[in-house]
Amino acid sequence: MNRKNIIAIIPLVLIALLSSCINDDSTEVEYYNDAAITSFTLDKVDRTIYTKNSKGKDTVYVSSLSCGGYTFSIDQNSGRIFNLDSLPTNMHINKCLVKIYTKNSGYIYIKNLNNDSLKAVMETDSIDFSVPRTLRCYANNGAWYRDYVVDVRVHKEAEDSVYWKQKADNADIAKLKQMKAIHFNGKVLAYGEDNGTYKVFATENTDGNSWKQLSLPETSYLSMTSDGNLLYALSADAKLYGSIDTEQWTEISQNTQLKTLVAASRTEIYAMSTEGKIMKSSDQGATWTEDNLDSDAGMLPEKDFNGITTASITNSDIDKVVLIGNRNDTNNPTSVVWSKVVDTTMPSKTQAWMYQEYSEGNRHQAPALESLCVTTYNKGLIMIGGDGLGTVRAQAFDRILFSYDNGQNWWSDDRFYLPQNMKSSKTSFALVSDSNNYLWLLCGETGQVWKGHLSQLTWQ
């Protein structure tokens, strides 16, 4: 018998054997016509790691990361497979081993990247998931199939890293002197003096490229603060105004004792008086009284005022207010920090302002920096500033300082840095955070606008 005849007989023999098995009363083979992927899991995937060695030099190596803990959701209606929690950055998802389970032992094929041809998937296959891939699940009777699109999601930003994006330069912001910034009602406001006139410009949280000049009740010296409901503005002649929309202003009161607004909790607003004391209003600025201190008022800040309010993480009814600024004494190497605990539901329990005196030998004091600027971020406080004042040897913007304890101690945090291409006046700039966990850096003289964020705080 020649070779061709042998080859032709082989399929017939196989069919005969299969038939004999089916006819055997002791064996029953059942086939199904339903097709579904019931589980999809990534096995180990390589990742490039960027770090520093013991000598501080940049080092790169590749490590294998077990991805079994990243759950993949399977939407049977839309035929989508995806991971809700994205994989870390720098994953080699172009070479993935996968484990796929199907209903009733169905068969899995993957569609070619360049055409519609299919290839059976084996557990030992290395598959490229750098782009969405189509899997086809066949029922074990071969008559039915269902397609799934697999989307392996990977973070584009490394965890615990700050990213800055530069917006369009703004000529109006470039002209502002003594610049300050505040966040209110979904907007970032920059205000300051321009050729003897005070001006305010605003941009939406989601923008940053276009700024609109706002109307002001007066154009003399202005300071601002907000309790979350109203935006307050105090003019040079001690008139206090309020606005709910930054467009329309209402005069609230006039008190010649007031010099500048410095802070606000949800139930109180605070101002420095012409005599260097802290004044308080509990009725949205209608009336004012001198607030209580636990130490000598001679240690209150005299310039570069920064008022920051955060809600307690243990009691949502409690506000923590921190007041940070500089003294006029150039021999003082530190800025001064005061704090206050406000019970928004029981005013009688509200505490006096406490002076946070640095202990002897404390190496983490807040330095006295020109035009000191502080804002809240990531459950703490961030500080930047111009050149060091008096005996402080510091260059403008050489680092960001972070405090986790309401200003008592300040640390350099490797995660936080200013943009490499930042250019600004050393005396007119502003740093403020918004409600979406973004930082805004506004630069005098150059008009640069930067929007930054700590990666994991803005992950969706």
Protein backbone atom coordinates (compact mmCIF):
# COMPACT_ATOMS: atom_id res chain seq x y z
CA MET A 1 0.00 0.00 0.00
CA ASN A 2 1.44 3.35 -0.97
CA ARG A 3 1.89 6.37 1.30
CA LYS A 4 -1.04 8.33 -0.13
CA ASN A 5 -3.48 5.53 0.67
CA ILE A 6 -2.19 5.32 4.24
CA ILE A 7 -2.73 9.03 4.79
CA ALA A 8 -6.25 8.82 3.41
CA ILE A 9 -7.19 5.98 5.74
CA ILE A 10 -6.02 7.66 8.95
CA PRO A 11 -9.06 10.00 9.38
CA LEU A 12 -11.41 7.06 8.78
CA VAL A 13 -9.67 5.07 11.47
CA LEU A 14 -9.97 7.94 13.93
CA ILE A 15 -13.68 8.35 13.21
CA ALA A 16 -14.18 4.61 13.69
CA LEU A 17 -12.41 4.71 17.02
CA LEU A 18 -14.45 7.73 18.14
CA SER A 19 -17.66 6.00 17.13
CA SER A 20 -16.75 2.88 19.05
CA CYS A 21 -16.13 4.98 22.13
CA ILE A 22 -19.47 6.72 21.78
CA ASN A 23 -21.28 3.41 21.32
CA ASP A 24 -19.58 1.98 24.37
CA ASP A 25 -22.29 1.88 27.06
CA SER A 26 -19.71 2.69 29.73
CA THR A 27 -18.71 6.12 28.26
CA GLU A 28 -20.88 9.18 27.52
CA VAL A 29 -19.46 12.28 25.81
CA GLU A 30 -21.56 15.45 26.10
CA TYR A 31 -20.96 18.60 24.07
CA TYR A 32 -22.21 22.12 24.89
CA ASN A 33 -23.08 25.04 22.67
CA ASP A 34 -22.54 27.86 25.20
CA ALA A 35 -19.28 29.83 25.19
CA ALA A 36 -18.01 32.12 27.96
CA ILE A 37 -14.79 33.18 29.65
CA THR A 38 -15.31 32.87 33.39
CA SER A 39 -11.90 33.97 34.71
CA PHE A 40 -8.95 35.97 33.38
CA THR A 41 -5.73 36.42 35.37
CA LEU A 42 -2.29 37.76 34.56
CA ASP A 43 0.61 35.68 35.80
CA LYS A 44 4.04 37.22 36.51
CA VAL A 45 4.93 40.27 34.40
CA ASP A 46 8.31 41.99 34.18
CA ARG A 47 8.66 45.58 35.35
CA THR A 48 11.48 48.09 34.90
CA ILE A 49 12.47 49.65 38.23
CA TYR A 50 14.18 53.05 38.46
CA THR A 51 15.93 53.72 41.74
CA LYS A 52 19.21 54.88 43.30
CA ASN A 53 21.98 52.70 44.63
CA SER A 54 23.77 53.09 47.96
CA LYS A 55 26.00 55.76 46.41
CA GLY A 56 23.05 57.81 45.21
CA LYS A 57 23.50 57.01 41.52
CA ASP A 58 20.55 56.28 39.27
CA THR A 59 20.04 52.55 38.81
CA VAL A 60 17.74 50.60 36.50
CA TYR A 61 16.85 46.92 36.74
CA VAL A 62 14.04 44.56 35.71
CA SER A 63 12.02 42.62 38.27
CA SER A 64 9.20 40.11 37.88
CA LEU A 65 5.92 41.21 39.51
CA SER A 66 3.19 38.73 40.43
CA CYS A 67 -0.07 40.17 39.09
CA GLY A 68 -2.47 37.61 40.54
CA GLY A 69 -3.77 40.22 42.98
CA TYR A 70 -5.05 42.48 40.20
CA THR A 71 -8.65 41.44 39.60
CA PHE A 72 -10.02 41.52 36.07
CA SER A 73 -13.71 42.22 35.58
CA ILE A 74 -15.57 40.35 32.85
CA ASP A 75 -18.60 42.12 31.36
CA GLN A 76 -20.51 39.31 29.63
CA ASN A 77 -23.00 41.72 28.07
CA SER A 78 -20.48 43.95 26.30
CA GLY A 79 -17.72 41.36 25.94
CA ARG A 80 -15.12 43.43 27.82
CA ILE A 81 -12.37 42.22 30.15
CA PHE A 82 -10.47 44.88 32.13
CA ASN A 83 -8.71 45.55 35.43
CA LEU A 84 -10.30 48.19 37.69
CA ASP A 85 -7.04 48.76 39.58
CA SER A 86 -4.38 49.72 37.06
CA LEU A 87 -1.00 48.01 37.08
CA PRO A 88 2.04 50.06 38.16
CA THR A 89 4.04 52.04 35.63
CA ASN A 90 6.78 50.56 33.46
CA MET A 91 5.20 47.10 33.19
CA HIS A 92 6.25 44.95 30.22
CA ILE A 93 2.69 44.13 29.17
CA ASN A 94 3.87 43.30 25.67
CA LYS A 95 4.99 39.96 27.13
CA CYS A 96 2.32 38.52 29.41
CA LEU A 97 1.49 35.03 30.58
CA VAL A 98 -2.22 34.56 31.27
CA LYS A 99 -4.53 32.04 32.88
CA ILE A 100 -7.98 31.85 31.29
CA TYR A 101 -10.85 29.66 32.43
CA THR A 102 -13.95 28.98 30.34
CA LYS A 103 -17.39 27.51 30.81
CA ASN A 104 -17.65 23.81 29.99
CA SER A 105 -14.03 23.59 28.83
CA GLY A 106 -14.38 25.95 25.88
CA TYR A 107 -11.42 26.78 23.64
CA ILE A 108 -9.59 30.15 23.60
CA TYR A 109 -8.11 31.81 20.54
CA ILE A 110 -6.56 35.26 20.10
CA LYS A 111 -6.93 37.48 17.06
CA ASN A 112 -3.78 38.60 15.25
CA LEU A 113 -2.75 42.24 15.73
CA ASN A 114 -2.60 42.86 11.99
CA ASN A 115 -5.41 40.71 10.59
CA ASP A 116 -8.37 38.53 11.56
CA SER A 117 -6.47 35.26 11.75
CA LEU A 118 -6.78 33.32 15.01
CA LYS A 119 -4.30 31.41 17.12
CA ALA A 120 -5.00 29.04 19.98
CA VAL A 121 -3.92 30.37 23.39
CA MET A 122 -1.71 28.22 25.60
CA GLU A 123 -0.67 29.02 29.19
CA THR A 124 2.95 29.09 28.09
CA ASP A 125 2.30 31.70 25.37
CA SER A 126 3.69 35.21 25.85
CA ILE A 127 1.01 37.63 24.66
CA ASP A 128 1.24 41.34 23.80
CA PHE A 129 -1.41 43.30 25.72
CA SER A 130 0.13 46.73 25.11
CA VAL A 131 -3.01 47.42 23.06
CA PRO A 132 -6.54 45.98 23.54
CA ARG A 133 -6.68 42.41 22.19
CA THR A 134 -9.61 40.31 21.00
CA LEU A 135 -10.05 36.83 22.47
CA ARG A 136 -12.49 34.35 20.94
CA CYS A 137 -14.03 31.67 23.14
CA TYR A 138 -15.43 28.66 21.28
CA ALA A 139 -17.96 26.30 22.84
CA ASN A 140 -16.64 22.77 23.10
CA ASN A 141 -18.94 21.62 20.29
CA GLY A 142 -17.20 24.10 18.00
CA ALA A 143 -20.48 25.55 16.75
CA TRP A 144 -20.73 28.66 18.90
CA TYR A 145 -18.30 31.38 19.94
CA ARG A 146 -18.13 34.69 21.77
CA ASP A 147 -15.56 37.51 21.36
CA TYR A 148 -14.05 39.50 24.23
CA VAL A 149 -11.86 42.62 24.10
CA VAL A 150 -9.16 42.58 26.78
CA ASP A 151 -7.89 45.95 28.06
CA VAL A 152 -4.92 45.68 30.43
CA ARG A 153 -4.71 49.06 32.14
CA VAL A 154 -1.39 50.47 33.35
CA HIS A 155 -0.79 53.69 35.27
CA LYS A 156 0.92 56.33 33.17
CA GLU A 157 2.28 58.02 36.28
CA ALA A 158 4.41 56.51 39.02
CA GLU A 159 2.95 56.38 42.50
CA ASP A 160 4.16 58.99 45.00
CA SER A 161 5.44 61.31 42.27
CA VAL A 162 4.58 64.93 41.53
CA TYR A 163 3.80 65.91 37.95
CA TRP A 164 3.61 69.50 36.72
CA LYS A 165 1.96 70.72 33.53
CA GLN A 166 2.63 74.20 32.24
CA LYS A 167 -0.33 76.25 31.11
CA ALA A 168 -0.27 79.29 28.84
CA ASP A 169 1.71 82.24 30.19
CA ASN A 170 -0.52 85.08 31.35
CA ALA A 171 0.53 88.73 30.94
CA ASP A 172 -1.90 89.95 33.62
CA ILE A 173 -0.51 87.58 36.26
CA ALA A 174 3.00 88.62 35.27
CA LYS A 175 2.23 92.22 36.32
CA LEU A 176 0.88 91.41 39.80
CA LYS A 177 2.90 92.51 42.83
CA GLN A 178 2.42 91.07 46.34
CA MET A 179 0.54 88.25 44.64
CA LYS A 180 -1.77 85.94 46.55
CA ALA A 181 -4.04 83.13 45.43
CA ILE A 182 -7.18 81.53 46.83
CA HIS A 183 -9.48 78.75 45.72
CA PHE A 184 -13.23 79.41 45.85
CA ASN A 185 -16.36 78.04 44.20
CA GLY A 186 -14.55 75.91 41.63
CA LYS A 187 -12.18 78.70 40.63
CA VAL A 188 -8.56 79.64 41.30
CA LEU A 189 -8.21 83.37 41.99
CA ALA A 190 -4.97 85.32 41.70
CA TYR A 191 -4.92 88.83 43.13
CA GLY A 192 -2.39 91.55 43.73
CA GLU A 193 -1.34 95.09 42.91
CA ASP A 194 -0.75 96.30 39.36
CA ASN A 195 0.55 99.86 39.05
CA GLY A 196 -1.21 101.03 42.22
CA THR A 197 -4.49 99.21 41.53
CA TYR A 198 -5.54 95.89 43.00
CA LYS A 199 -6.86 93.35 40.50
CA VAL A 200 -8.25 89.83 40.66
CA PHE A 201 -8.12 87.22 37.88
CA ALA A 202 -9.87 83.83 37.89
CA THR A 203 -9.72 80.54 36.01
CA GLU A 204 -11.83 77.42 36.31
CA ASN A 205 -10.33 74.42 38.12
CA THR A 206 -10.38 72.51 34.86
CA ASP A 207 -8.72 75.26 32.82
CA GLY A 208 -5.67 77.37 33.65
CA ASN A 209 -5.05 78.71 30.15
CA SER A 210 -7.71 81.42 30.13
CA TRP A 211 -8.13 83.93 32.98
CA LYS A 212 -10.93 86.44 33.47
CA GLN A 213 -10.59 89.69 35.38
CA LEU A 214 -13.22 89.96 38.10
CA SER A 215 -14.98 93.09 39.27
CA LEU A 216 -13.96 94.35 42.69
CA PRO A 217 -15.83 96.53 45.17
CA GLU A 218 -12.69 98.65 45.58
CA THR A 219 -9.28 98.79 43.94
CA SER A 220 -7.28 99.85 46.98
CA TYR A 221 -5.32 97.29 49.03
CA LEU A 222 -7.27 94.05 49.33
CA SER A 223 -6.88 90.89 51.35
CA MET A 224 -9.13 87.86 50.93
CA THR A 225 -10.27 84.72 52.73
CA SER A 226 -13.17 82.29 52.54
CA ASP A 227 -15.21 80.16 54.92
CA GLY A 228 -16.37 77.92 52.08
CA ASN A 229 -19.69 79.71 51.61
CA LEU A 230 -18.62 83.32 51.15
CA LEU A 231 -15.55 84.96 49.67
CA TYR A 232 -14.49 87.91 51.84
CA ALA A 233 -12.48 90.95 50.75
CA LEU A 234 -11.13 93.68 53.04
CA SER A 235 -10.17 97.03 51.50
CA ALA A 236 -7.57 99.55 52.60
CA ASP A 237 -10.22 101.64 54.35
CA ALA A 238 -11.32 98.58 56.42
CA LYS A 239 -14.55 97.90 54.55
CA LEU A 240 -15.45 94.21 54.48
CA TYR A 241 -17.27 92.80 51.46
CA GLY A 242 -18.74 89.37 50.76
CA SER A 243 -19.52 87.46 47.57
CA ILE A 244 -21.09 84.09 46.82
CA ASP A 245 -20.08 84.00 43.15
CA THR A 246 -16.99 86.27 42.82
CA GLU A 247 -19.09 88.56 40.60
CA GLN A 248 -21.48 90.45 42.89
CA TRP A 249 -20.19 92.01 46.13
CA THR A 250 -22.09 93.19 49.21
CA GLU A 251 -20.67 95.48 51.87
CA ILE A 252 -20.90 93.71 55.24
CA SER A 253 -19.28 96.09 57.70
CA GLN A 254 -16.54 98.64 58.30
CA ASN A 255 -14.19 98.33 61.25
CA THR A 256 -11.17 100.59 61.35
CA GLN A 257 -9.41 98.16 63.70
CA LEU A 258 -9.00 95.65 60.87
CA LYS A 259 -5.82 95.64 58.81
CA THR A 260 -5.77 92.40 56.81
CA LEU A 261 -7.76 89.17 56.57
CA VAL A 262 -5.66 86.13 57.41
CA ALA A 263 -7.82 83.00 57.73
CA ALA A 264 -11.28 81.49 58.16
CA SER A 265 -12.82 78.34 59.58
CA ARG A 266 -16.32 77.16 58.69
CA THR A 267 -17.81 79.27 61.49
CA GLU A 268 -15.31 82.10 62.10
CA ILE A 269 -13.20 84.52 60.08
CA TYR A 270 -9.97 86.10 61.32
CA ALA A 271 -8.11 89.33 60.67
CA MET A 272 -5.03 91.08 62.00
CA SER A 273 -5.76 94.40 63.64
CA THR A 274 -3.88 97.66 63.27
CA GLU A 275 -2.46 96.98 66.74
CA GLY A 276 -1.08 93.55 65.78
CA LYS A 277 -3.79 91.46 67.42
CA ILE A 278 -6.02 88.70 66.02
CA MET A 279 -9.64 89.74 65.57
CA LYS A 280 -12.48 87.24 65.20
CA SER A 281 -15.99 87.36 63.73
CA SER A 282 -18.55 84.63 64.34
CA ASP A 283 -21.35 86.26 62.33
CA GLN A 284 -19.83 86.39 58.83
CA GLY A 285 -18.03 89.67 59.45
CA ALA A 286 -20.85 91.77 60.88
CA THR A 287 -19.16 92.23 64.27
CA TRP A 288 -15.60 91.71 65.49
CA THR A 289 -13.92 90.97 68.83
CA GLU A 290 -10.34 90.35 69.88
CA ASP A 291 -9.59 86.63 69.90
CA ASN A 292 -7.90 84.73 72.72
CA LEU A 293 -4.21 83.77 72.68
CA ASP A 294 -2.29 81.38 74.93
CA SER A 295 0.97 83.34 74.55
CA ASP A 296 2.37 86.82 74.06
CA ALA A 297 0.83 88.65 71.10
CA GLY A 298 4.31 89.96 70.41
CA MET A 299 5.05 86.63 68.74
CA LEU A 300 2.26 86.93 66.17
CA PRO A 301 3.35 87.24 62.52
CA GLU A 302 3.66 90.76 61.14
CA LYS A 303 3.89 90.03 57.40
CA ASP A 304 3.62 87.28 54.79
CA PHE A 305 0.44 85.97 56.40
CA ASN A 306 -0.78 82.49 55.45
CA GLY A 307 -3.97 81.06 56.91
CA ILE A 308 -4.78 77.39 56.28
CA THR A 309 -7.82 75.48 57.49
CA THR A 310 -8.26 71.71 57.41
CA ALA A 311 -10.97 69.47 58.79
CA SER A 312 -9.95 66.98 61.47
CA ILE A 313 -9.56 63.43 60.14
CA THR A 314 -11.03 62.04 63.37
CA ASN A 315 -13.95 64.44 63.86
CA SER A 316 -15.64 66.11 60.90
CA ASP A 317 -17.05 68.83 63.18
CA ILE A 318 -13.58 70.08 64.09
CA ASP A 319 -11.58 72.59 62.03
CA LYS A 320 -7.85 73.10 62.52
CA VAL A 321 -6.70 76.60 61.60
CA VAL A 322 -2.99 77.37 61.17
CA LEU A 323 -1.56 80.87 60.84
CA ILE A 324 2.01 81.14 59.52
CA GLY A 325 4.00 84.25 58.72
CA ASN A 326 7.17 86.23 59.34
CA ARG A 327 8.24 88.77 61.93
CA ASN A 328 9.87 92.06 60.98
CA ASP A 329 12.87 91.11 63.13
CA THR A 330 15.50 90.04 60.59
CA ASN A 331 17.45 88.21 63.29
CA ASN A 332 14.65 85.68 63.68
CA PRO A 333 15.69 82.62 61.61
CA THR A 334 12.24 81.04 61.61
CA SER A 335 8.75 81.95 60.57
CA VAL A 336 6.17 81.89 63.36
CA VAL A 337 3.34 79.36 63.58
CA TRP A 338 0.08 79.66 65.51
CA SER A 339 -2.83 77.22 65.47
CA LYS A 340 -6.38 76.98 66.70
CA VAL A 341 -8.94 74.18 67.09
CA VAL A 342 -12.52 75.21 66.24
CA ASP A 343 -15.56 73.14 67.20
CA THR A 344 -18.07 74.10 64.50
CA THR A 345 -21.03 72.67 66.44
CA MET A 346 -20.14 73.86 69.98
CA PRO A 347 -18.46 77.30 69.94
CA SER A 348 -17.95 77.13 73.70
CA LYS A 349 -15.39 74.37 73.14
CA THR A 350 -13.39 76.38 70.62
CA GLN A 351 -9.85 76.84 71.89
CA ALA A 352 -7.58 79.87 72.04
CA TRP A 353 -4.82 80.42 69.51
CA MET A 354 -1.72 78.42 70.48
CA TYR A 355 1.80 79.56 69.74
CA GLN A 356 3.82 76.62 68.41
CA GLU A 357 7.21 77.34 69.93
CA TYR A 358 10.05 75.27 68.57
CA SER A 359 11.82 73.06 71.07
CA GLU A 360 15.54 73.52 71.62
CA GLY A 361 17.54 71.54 69.11
CA ASN A 362 14.64 71.14 66.68
CA ARG A 363 16.23 70.87 63.24
CA HIS A 364 12.94 70.94 61.38
CA GLN A 365 11.81 74.50 61.96
CA ALA A 366 10.01 76.58 59.35
CA PRO A 367 12.65 78.92 57.91
CA ALA A 368 11.98 82.64 57.52
CA LEU A 369 11.63 83.02 53.75
CA GLU A 370 10.74 86.18 51.84
CA SER A 371 7.12 86.25 50.62
CA LEU A 372 6.49 82.95 52.38
CA CYS A 373 3.65 80.94 50.77
CA VAL A 374 1.85 77.98 52.39
CA THR A 375 -1.08 75.86 51.26
CA THR A 376 -2.70 72.60 52.31
CA TYR A 377 -2.12 69.39 50.36
CA ASN A 378 -2.30 65.63 50.92
CA LYS A 379 -3.43 66.00 54.55
CA GLY A 380 -0.53 68.29 55.33
CA LEU A 381 0.99 71.70 54.60
CA ILE A 382 3.34 72.69 51.77
CA MET A 383 5.67 75.70 51.95
CA ILE A 384 7.73 77.55 49.35
CA GLY A 385 9.41 80.93 49.56
CA GLY A 386 11.85 83.44 48.17
CA ASP A 387 15.34 84.08 49.49
CA GLY A 388 16.08 83.51 53.16
CA LEU A 389 15.52 86.44 55.51
CA GLY A 390 18.13 87.66 57.99
CA THR A 391 20.50 84.86 58.91
CA VAL A 392 18.67 82.21 56.89
CA ARG A 393 20.86 80.92 54.08
CA ALA A 394 18.38 79.84 51.46
CA GLN A 395 17.84 80.60 47.81
CA ALA A 396 14.43 81.30 46.38
CA PHE A 397 12.50 78.16 45.41
CA ASP A 398 15.39 75.82 46.21
CA ARG A 399 13.04 73.29 47.81
CA ILE A 400 9.52 72.50 48.94
CA LEU A 401 8.95 71.89 52.64
CA PHE A 402 6.16 69.68 53.94
CA SER A 403 4.57 69.49 57.40
CA TYR A 404 2.48 66.56 58.63
CA ASP A 405 1.75 68.05 62.08
CA ASN A 406 0.09 71.41 61.37
CA GLY A 407 3.34 73.33 61.07
CA GLN A 408 5.26 72.10 64.11
CA ASN A 409 7.92 70.34 62.03
CA TRP A 410 8.94 70.81 58.40
CA TRP A 411 10.68 68.30 56.18
CA SER A 412 12.03 68.10 52.67
CA ASP A 413 9.93 65.51 50.86
CA ASP A 414 11.54 63.79 47.87
CA ARG A 415 8.13 63.44 46.24
CA PHE A 416 7.63 67.19 46.00
CA TYR A 417 9.64 69.47 43.77
CA LEU A 418 9.05 72.62 41.73
CA PRO A 419 8.98 72.54 37.92
CA GLN A 420 12.44 72.45 36.40
CA ASN A 421 11.66 75.27 33.96
CA MET A 422 9.90 77.48 36.50
CA LYS A 423 10.84 81.16 36.30
CA SER A 424 9.35 83.71 38.67
CA SER A 425 9.77 86.86 40.64
CA LYS A 426 11.36 86.10 44.00
CA THR A 427 8.88 88.34 45.80
CA SER A 428 5.61 87.88 43.91
CA PHE A 429 4.29 84.35 43.43
CA ALA A 430 1.53 82.14 44.76
CA LEU A 431 0.90 78.47 45.55
CA VAL A 432 -2.61 77.17 46.21
CA SER A 433 -4.45 73.84 46.09
CA ASP A 434 -7.93 73.23 44.69
CA SER A 435 -10.74 70.82 45.59
CA ASN A 436 -9.60 68.28 42.98
CA ASN A 437 -6.20 67.65 44.62
CA TYR A 438 -4.25 69.83 42.19
CA LEU A 439 -1.59 72.41 43.05
CA TRP A 440 -1.44 75.75 41.25
CA LEU A 441 1.81 77.71 41.00
CA LEU A 442 1.55 81.27 39.70
CA CYS A 443 4.66 83.26 38.84
CA GLY A 444 5.10 87.04 38.90
CA GLU A 445 7.19 88.77 36.20
CA THR A 446 7.00 85.79 33.80
CA GLY A 447 3.28 85.04 34.06
CA GLN A 448 3.97 81.31 34.14
CA VAL A 449 1.07 79.14 35.30
CA TRP A 450 1.77 75.58 36.46
CA LYS A 451 -0.73 72.92 37.52
CA GLY A 452 0.63 69.93 39.43
CA HIS A 453 -0.52 66.91 41.34
CA LEU A 454 0.68 63.98 43.41
CA SER A 455 -0.08 61.05 41.11
CA GLN A 456 -2.22 58.80 43.30
CA LEU A 457 -4.38 61.69 44.54
CA THR A 458 -5.86 62.21 41.07
CA TRP A 459 -6.15 58.59 39.95
CA GLN A 460 -9.73 57.75 39.05
